[in-house]
Amino acid sequence: MPDGAHKKVKLNVRVTSSKKEEWLDSLNDDENLSSLVRRAVDKEINDEYIPKKAINNLSGNTGQADVDLSPLLDQIDDLQRSVTSVENKIDTISVTQADEGEDEDIEELAMDLLPRLPTYPNDIPNDVLEGMGGIGERSPREFILYIMEARQEISHLSIDGSAQRLSSEIREPTYLVKEALCYLENSTTENVHSAIIDGTRHWMRL
């Protein structure tokens, strides 16, 4: 839990009501404002930072049997790390920021969501728990990543702490659910943590 957990966290990210409505109207199905901004950032990065010189050199050498792709692959790795970093920051601050009059609604929604969150160890099958060996020295984010990745190999480990799943379950807009989950993580002592897996943030109680 971050320092100052007993205080509300006010983010310096604010847009006009008309701009917020414009963004909401632009969302695709099952998309939220964070993913909209993430998609825009990805597009901007892809447009600006593709190394044209490397592409031209590669095109000019297509007739050669061996092409050294190491410099290009290194640049792609660096770009991927940069995109991942931006993705985490954008998703963490949550693009939409509740007005002061909406704070109580977000808090009430957060309390409704709390018992619906996946919980460790209660929601982990006993046989899976035995193999995990506890949190150990892992950070909450690392442990959530570990659990979510384990789902791919353990068919009966069904854990989904995404805002999309919770939104469908309680029939509330995804962007409001995400705001409420961010409130739980950053402004309460409920031991709610999150991590991004394959572009989707999942919350859990640890």
C-alpha atoms as a PDB file:
ATOM      1  CA  MET A   1       0.000   0.000   0.000  1.00  0.00           C
ATOM      2  CA  PRO A   2       1.549   3.387  -0.999  1.00  0.00           C
ATOM      3  CA  ASP A   3       2.432   6.024   1.593  1.00  0.00           C
ATOM      4  CA  GLY A   4      -0.439   8.220   2.722  1.00  0.00           C
ATOM      5  CA  ALA A   5      -2.999   5.480   2.177  1.00  0.00           C
ATOM      6  CA  HIS A   6      -5.420   7.192   4.547  1.00  0.00           C
ATOM      7  CA  LYS A   7      -5.531  10.297   2.359  1.00  0.00           C
ATOM      8  CA  LYS A   8      -7.442  10.772  -0.864  1.00  0.00           C
ATOM      9  CA  VAL A   9      -5.213  10.998  -3.909  1.00  0.00           C
ATOM     10  CA  LYS A  10      -6.071  13.913  -6.188  1.00  0.00           C
ATOM     11  CA  LEU A  11      -4.533  13.568  -9.644  1.00  0.00           C
ATOM     12  CA  ASN A  12      -3.579  16.597 -11.699  1.00  0.00           C
ATOM     13  CA  VAL A  13      -5.296  15.176 -14.756  1.00  0.00           C
ATOM     14  CA  ARG A  14      -8.463  17.003 -15.668  1.00  0.00           C
ATOM     15  CA  VAL A  15     -10.418  17.467 -18.876  1.00  0.00           C
ATOM     16  CA  THR A  16     -13.521  19.472 -19.677  1.00  0.00           C
ATOM     17  CA  SER A  17     -16.906  17.783 -19.612  1.00  0.00           C
ATOM     18  CA  SER A  18     -17.270  18.236 -23.364  1.00  0.00           C
ATOM     19  CA  LYS A  19     -13.858  16.676 -23.997  1.00  0.00           C
ATOM     20  CA  LYS A  20     -14.685  13.756 -21.700  1.00  0.00           C
ATOM     21  CA  GLU A  21     -17.945  13.146 -23.597  1.00  0.00           C
ATOM     22  CA  GLU A  22     -16.081  13.364 -26.910  1.00  0.00           C
ATOM     23  CA  TRP A  23     -13.620  10.705 -25.738  1.00  0.00           C
ATOM     24  CA  LEU A  24     -16.402   8.486 -24.418  1.00  0.00           C
ATOM     25  CA  ASP A  25     -18.210   8.679 -27.773  1.00  0.00           C
ATOM     26  CA  SER A  26     -15.011   7.502 -29.477  1.00  0.00           C
ATOM     27  CA  LEU A  27     -14.645   4.315 -27.439  1.00  0.00           C
ATOM     28  CA  ASN A  28     -14.860   0.951 -29.143  1.00  0.00           C
ATOM     29  CA  ASP A  29     -16.816  -1.930 -27.593  1.00  0.00           C
ATOM     30  CA  ASP A  30     -15.265  -3.137 -24.310  1.00  0.00           C
ATOM     31  CA  GLU A  31     -12.814  -0.226 -24.357  1.00  0.00           C
ATOM     32  CA  ASN A  32     -12.193   2.333 -21.625  1.00  0.00           C
ATOM     33  CA  LEU A  33     -10.632   5.780 -21.656  1.00  0.00           C
ATOM     34  CA  SER A  34      -7.268   4.451 -20.492  1.00  0.00           C
ATOM     35  CA  SER A  35      -7.084   2.004 -23.377  1.00  0.00           C
ATOM     36  CA  LEU A  36      -8.183   4.764 -25.789  1.00  0.00           C
ATOM     37  CA  VAL A  37      -5.275   6.958 -24.702  1.00  0.00           C
ATOM     38  CA  ARG A  38      -2.949   3.942 -24.711  1.00  0.00           C
ATOM     39  CA  ARG A  39      -3.990   3.202 -28.310  1.00  0.00           C
ATOM     40  CA  ALA A  40      -3.355   6.829 -29.286  1.00  0.00           C
ATOM     41  CA  VAL A  41       0.073   6.804 -27.635  1.00  0.00           C
ATOM     42  CA  ASP A  42       0.982   3.555 -29.367  1.00  0.00           C
ATOM     43  CA  LYS A  43      -0.010   5.022 -32.728  1.00  0.00           C
ATOM     44  CA  GLU A  44       1.952   8.202 -32.071  1.00  0.00           C
ATOM     45  CA  ILE A  45       5.046   6.261 -31.064  1.00  0.00           C
ATOM     46  CA  ASN A  46       4.777   3.948 -34.047  1.00  0.00           C
ATOM     47  CA  ASP A  47       4.468   6.904 -36.417  1.00  0.00           C
ATOM     48  CA  GLU A  48       7.357   8.911 -34.982  1.00  0.00           C
ATOM     49  CA  TYR A  49       9.943   6.446 -33.857  1.00  0.00           C
ATOM     50  CA  ILE A  50      10.162   3.711 -36.476  1.00  0.00           C
ATOM     51  CA  PRO A  51      13.819   3.949 -37.555  1.00  0.00           C
ATOM     52  CA  LYS A  52      13.434   4.814 -41.255  1.00  0.00           C
ATOM     53  CA  LYS A  53      17.154   4.483 -41.903  1.00  0.00           C
ATOM     54  CA  ALA A  54      17.117   0.946 -40.573  1.00  0.00           C
ATOM     55  CA  ILE A  55      14.111   0.089 -42.740  1.00  0.00           C
ATOM     56  CA  ASN A  56      15.755   1.561 -45.849  1.00  0.00           C
ATOM     57  CA  ASN A  57      18.954  -0.366 -45.150  1.00  0.00           C
ATOM     58  CA  LEU A  58      16.965  -3.544 -44.674  1.00  0.00           C
ATOM     59  CA  SER A  59      15.054  -2.980 -47.932  1.00  0.00           C
ATOM     60  CA  GLY A  60      18.286  -2.392 -49.816  1.00  0.00           C
ATOM     61  CA  ASN A  61      19.732  -5.651 -48.579  1.00  0.00           C
ATOM     62  CA  THR A  62      16.803  -7.946 -49.314  1.00  0.00           C
ATOM     63  CA  GLY A  63      18.830  -9.732 -51.958  1.00  0.00           C
ATOM     64  CA  GLN A  64      21.559 -10.729 -49.540  1.00  0.00           C
ATOM     65  CA  ALA A  65      21.446 -14.091 -47.827  1.00  0.00           C
ATOM     66  CA  ASP A  66      22.422 -12.751 -44.379  1.00  0.00           C
ATOM     67  CA  VAL A  67      21.028  -9.537 -42.903  1.00  0.00           C
ATOM     68  CA  ASP A  68      22.193  -8.303 -39.499  1.00  0.00           C
ATOM     69  CA  LEU A  69      18.976  -7.442 -37.663  1.00  0.00           C
ATOM     70  CA  SER A  70      20.623  -6.929 -34.286  1.00  0.00           C
ATOM     71  CA  PRO A  71      20.523  -3.088 -34.296  1.00  0.00           C
ATOM     72  CA  LEU A  72      16.891  -3.092 -35.396  1.00  0.00           C
ATOM     73  CA  LEU A  73      15.915  -5.704 -32.815  1.00  0.00           C
ATOM     74  CA  ASP A  74      17.675  -3.710 -30.080  1.00  0.00           C
ATOM     75  CA  GLN A  75      15.723  -0.599 -31.055  1.00  0.00           C
ATOM     76  CA  ILE A  76      12.465  -2.579 -31.054  1.00  0.00           C
ATOM     77  CA  ASP A  77      13.242  -3.897 -27.557  1.00  0.00           C
ATOM     78  CA  ASP A  78      13.934  -0.365 -26.326  1.00  0.00           C
ATOM     79  CA  LEU A  79      10.712   0.854 -27.907  1.00  0.00           C
ATOM     80  CA  GLN A  80       8.721  -1.963 -26.311  1.00  0.00           C
ATOM     81  CA  ARG A  81      10.100  -1.088 -22.885  1.00  0.00           C
ATOM     82  CA  SER A  82       9.188   2.567 -23.443  1.00  0.00           C
ATOM     83  CA  VAL A  83       5.655   1.674 -24.534  1.00  0.00           C
ATOM     84  CA  THR A  84       5.213  -0.618 -21.530  1.00  0.00           C
ATOM     85  CA  SER A  85       6.372   2.151 -19.201  1.00  0.00           C
ATOM     86  CA  VAL A  86       3.978   4.676 -20.756  1.00  0.00           C
ATOM     87  CA  GLU A  87       1.171   2.110 -20.667  1.00  0.00           C
ATOM     88  CA  ASN A  88       1.665   1.510 -16.960  1.00  0.00           C
ATOM     89  CA  LYS A  89       1.749   5.230 -16.143  1.00  0.00           C
ATOM     90  CA  ILE A  90      -1.353   6.037 -18.197  1.00  0.00           C
ATOM     91  CA  ASP A  91      -3.331   3.135 -16.829  1.00  0.00           C
ATOM     92  CA  THR A  92      -2.258   3.841 -13.255  1.00  0.00           C
ATOM     93  CA  ILE A  93      -3.318   7.489 -13.133  1.00  0.00           C
ATOM     94  CA  SER A  94      -6.650   6.646 -14.820  1.00  0.00           C
ATOM     95  CA  VAL A  95      -7.390   9.235 -17.493  1.00  0.00           C
ATOM     96  CA  THR A  96     -10.818  10.120 -16.150  1.00  0.00           C
ATOM     97  CA  GLN A  97     -10.838  12.051 -12.900  1.00  0.00           C
ATOM     98  CA  ALA A  98     -13.994  12.349 -10.857  1.00  0.00           C
ATOM     99  CA  ASP A  99     -15.275  15.816 -10.050  1.00  0.00           C
ATOM    100  CA  GLU A 100     -15.576  16.574  -6.337  1.00  0.00           C
ATOM    101  CA  GLY A 101     -19.330  15.987  -6.489  1.00  0.00           C
ATOM    102  CA  GLU A 102     -18.729  12.465  -7.791  1.00  0.00           C
ATOM    103  CA  ASP A 103     -16.331  11.398  -5.019  1.00  0.00           C
ATOM    104  CA  GLU A 104     -19.034   9.904  -2.808  1.00  0.00           C
ATOM    105  CA  ASP A 105     -20.434   7.880  -5.718  1.00  0.00           C
ATOM    106  CA  ILE A 106     -16.967   6.505  -6.499  1.00  0.00           C
ATOM    107  CA  GLU A 107     -16.433   5.562  -2.848  1.00  0.00           C
ATOM    108  CA  GLU A 108     -19.806   3.799  -2.714  1.00  0.00           C
ATOM    109  CA  LEU A 109     -19.064   1.931  -5.943  1.00  0.00           C
ATOM    110  CA  ALA A 110     -15.639   0.967  -4.577  1.00  0.00           C
ATOM    111  CA  MET A 111     -17.209  -0.624  -1.517  1.00  0.00           C
ATOM    112  CA  ASP A 112     -19.596  -2.568  -3.771  1.00  0.00           C
ATOM    113  CA  LEU A 113     -16.668  -3.839  -5.827  1.00  0.00           C
ATOM    114  CA  LEU A 114     -14.442  -4.816  -2.902  1.00  0.00           C
ATOM    115  CA  PRO A 115     -16.065  -8.200  -2.099  1.00  0.00           C
ATOM    116  CA  ARG A 116     -16.128  -9.082  -5.804  1.00  0.00           C
ATOM    117  CA  LEU A 117     -12.348  -8.815  -6.227  1.00  0.00           C
ATOM    118  CA  PRO A 118     -10.257 -11.994  -6.450  1.00  0.00           C
ATOM    119  CA  THR A 119      -8.613 -12.576  -3.075  1.00  0.00           C
ATOM    120  CA  TYR A 120      -5.408 -14.356  -2.090  1.00  0.00           C
ATOM    121  CA  PRO A 121      -5.408 -16.975  -0.676  1.00  0.00           C
ATOM    122  CA  ASN A 122      -9.195 -17.516  -0.457  1.00  0.00           C
ATOM    123  CA  ASP A 123      -9.801 -17.741  -4.222  1.00  0.00           C
ATOM    124  CA  ILE A 124      -6.782 -19.921  -5.017  1.00  0.00           C
ATOM    125  CA  PRO A 125      -7.352 -23.724  -5.090  1.00  0.00           C
ATOM    126  CA  ASN A 126      -5.478 -25.580  -2.337  1.00  0.00           C
ATOM    127  CA  ASP A 127      -3.359 -27.626  -4.732  1.00  0.00           C
ATOM    128  CA  VAL A 128      -2.291 -24.434  -6.513  1.00  0.00           C
ATOM    129  CA  LEU A 129      -1.505 -22.727  -3.210  1.00  0.00           C
ATOM    130  CA  GLU A 130       0.849 -25.534  -2.250  1.00  0.00           C
ATOM    131  CA  GLY A 131       2.831 -25.050  -5.425  1.00  0.00           C
ATOM    132  CA  MET A 132       3.025 -21.254  -5.118  1.00  0.00           C
ATOM    133  CA  GLY A 133       4.928 -21.165  -1.868  1.00  0.00           C
ATOM    134  CA  GLY A 134       3.413 -17.860  -0.772  1.00  0.00           C
ATOM    135  CA  ILE A 135       4.229 -14.295  -1.746  1.00  0.00           C
ATOM    136  CA  GLY A 136       7.756 -14.528  -0.378  1.00  0.00           C
ATOM    137  CA  GLU A 137       9.953 -11.628  -1.474  1.00  0.00           C
ATOM    138  CA  ARG A 138       7.797 -10.770  -4.461  1.00  0.00           C
ATOM    139  CA  SER A 139       6.190  -7.353  -4.639  1.00  0.00           C
ATOM    140  CA  PRO A 140       2.356  -7.313  -4.852  1.00  0.00           C
ATOM    141  CA  ARG A 141       2.605  -6.485  -8.562  1.00  0.00           C
ATOM    142  CA  GLU A 142       5.044  -9.339  -9.198  1.00  0.00           C
ATOM    143  CA  PHE A 143       2.850 -11.795  -7.292  1.00  0.00           C
ATOM    144  CA  ILE A 144      -0.281 -10.808  -9.245  1.00  0.00           C
ATOM    145  CA  LEU A 145       1.666 -11.239 -12.490  1.00  0.00           C
ATOM    146  CA  TYR A 146       2.756 -14.664 -11.264  1.00  0.00           C
ATOM    147  CA  ILE A 147      -0.823 -15.707 -10.448  1.00  0.00           C
ATOM    148  CA  MET A 148      -2.293 -14.393 -13.696  1.00  0.00           C
ATOM    149  CA  GLU A 149       0.388 -16.062 -15.808  1.00  0.00           C
ATOM    150  CA  ALA A 150      -0.209 -19.338 -13.955  1.00  0.00           C
ATOM    151  CA  ARG A 151      -3.774 -19.359 -15.320  1.00  0.00           C
ATOM    152  CA  GLN A 152      -2.427 -20.356 -18.728  1.00  0.00           C
ATOM    153  CA  GLU A 153      -1.090 -23.638 -17.363  1.00  0.00           C
ATOM    154  CA  ILE A 154      -3.659 -24.379 -14.621  1.00  0.00           C
ATOM    155  CA  SER A 155      -7.126 -24.850 -16.091  1.00  0.00           C
ATOM    156  CA  HIS A 156      -8.985 -24.699 -12.768  1.00  0.00           C
ATOM    157  CA  LEU A 157      -7.303 -21.446 -11.681  1.00  0.00           C
ATOM    158  CA  SER A 158      -9.967 -18.949 -12.699  1.00  0.00           C
ATOM    159  CA  ILE A 159      -8.889 -15.462 -11.665  1.00  0.00           C
ATOM    160  CA  ASP A 160     -10.094 -12.310 -13.404  1.00  0.00           C
ATOM    161  CA  GLY A 161      -9.746  -8.977 -11.638  1.00  0.00           C
ATOM    162  CA  SER A 162     -10.251  -6.784 -14.688  1.00  0.00           C
ATOM    163  CA  ALA A 163     -12.487  -3.721 -14.726  1.00  0.00           C
ATOM    164  CA  GLN A 164     -14.177  -5.135 -17.825  1.00  0.00           C
ATOM    165  CA  ARG A 165     -15.304  -8.284 -16.014  1.00  0.00           C
ATOM    166  CA  LEU A 166     -16.492  -6.379 -12.960  1.00  0.00           C
ATOM    167  CA  SER A 167     -18.268  -3.804 -15.122  1.00  0.00           C
ATOM    168  CA  SER A 168     -20.240  -6.559 -16.849  1.00  0.00           C
ATOM    169  CA  GLU A 169     -21.033  -8.192 -13.508  1.00  0.00           C
ATOM    170  CA  ILE A 170     -22.470  -5.102 -11.803  1.00  0.00           C
ATOM    171  CA  ARG A 171     -23.670  -3.336 -14.964  1.00  0.00           C
ATOM    172  CA  GLU A 172     -21.729  -0.129 -14.428  1.00  0.00           C
ATOM    173  CA  PRO A 173     -19.615   1.739 -17.026  1.00  0.00           C
ATOM    174  CA  THR A 174     -16.090   0.378 -17.258  1.00  0.00           C
ATOM    175  CA  TYR A 175     -14.463   3.776 -16.768  1.00  0.00           C
ATOM    176  CA  LEU A 176     -16.345   4.306 -13.493  1.00  0.00           C
ATOM    177  CA  VAL A 177     -15.422   0.822 -12.300  1.00  0.00           C
ATOM    178  CA  LYS A 178     -11.775   1.552 -13.055  1.00  0.00           C
ATOM    179  CA  GLU A 179     -11.929   4.826 -11.111  1.00  0.00           C
ATOM    180  CA  ALA A 180     -13.426   2.983  -8.143  1.00  0.00           C
ATOM    181  CA  LEU A 181     -10.738   0.279  -8.322  1.00  0.00           C
ATOM    182  CA  CYS A 182      -7.998   2.917  -8.446  1.00  0.00           C
ATOM    183  CA  TYR A 183      -9.603   4.495  -5.376  1.00  0.00           C
ATOM    184  CA  LEU A 184      -9.477   1.151  -3.556  1.00  0.00           C
ATOM    185  CA  GLU A 185      -5.838   0.655  -4.493  1.00  0.00           C
ATOM    186  CA  ASN A 186      -4.539   4.148  -3.755  1.00  0.00           C
ATOM    187  CA  SER A 187      -6.851   5.629  -1.126  1.00  0.00           C
ATOM    188  CA  THR A 188      -7.816   2.802   1.241  1.00  0.00           C
ATOM    189  CA  THR A 189      -6.131   0.250   3.504  1.00  0.00           C
ATOM    190  CA  GLU A 190      -7.895  -2.736   1.920  1.00  0.00           C
ATOM    191  CA  ASN A 191      -4.650  -4.249   0.507  1.00  0.00           C
ATOM    192  CA  VAL A 192      -5.889  -3.953  -3.058  1.00  0.00           C
ATOM    193  CA  HIS A 193      -3.109  -4.112  -5.655  1.00  0.00           C
ATOM    194  CA  SER A 194      -2.932  -4.407  -9.426  1.00  0.00           C
ATOM    195  CA  ALA A 195      -0.740  -5.369 -12.366  1.00  0.00           C
ATOM    196  CA  ILE A 196      -1.035  -5.174 -16.149  1.00  0.00           C
ATOM    197  CA  ILE A 197      -1.146  -8.481 -18.013  1.00  0.00           C
ATOM    198  CA  ASP A 198      -1.280  -8.422 -21.829  1.00  0.00           C
ATOM    199  CA  GLY A 199      -2.510  -4.827 -21.831  1.00  0.00           C
ATOM    200  CA  THR A 200      -5.264  -5.361 -19.237  1.00  0.00           C
ATOM    201  CA  ARG A 201      -4.978  -4.301 -15.604  1.00  0.00           C
ATOM    202  CA  HIS A 202      -6.137  -6.807 -12.995  1.00  0.00           C
ATOM    203  CA  TRP A 203      -6.849  -5.984  -9.346  1.00  0.00           C
ATOM    204  CA  MET A 204      -6.605  -8.407  -6.413  1.00  0.00           C
ATOM    205  CA  ARG A 205      -6.794  -8.320  -2.625  1.00  0.00           C
ATOM    206  CA  LEU A 206      -3.592  -9.722  -1.118  1.00  0.00           C
END
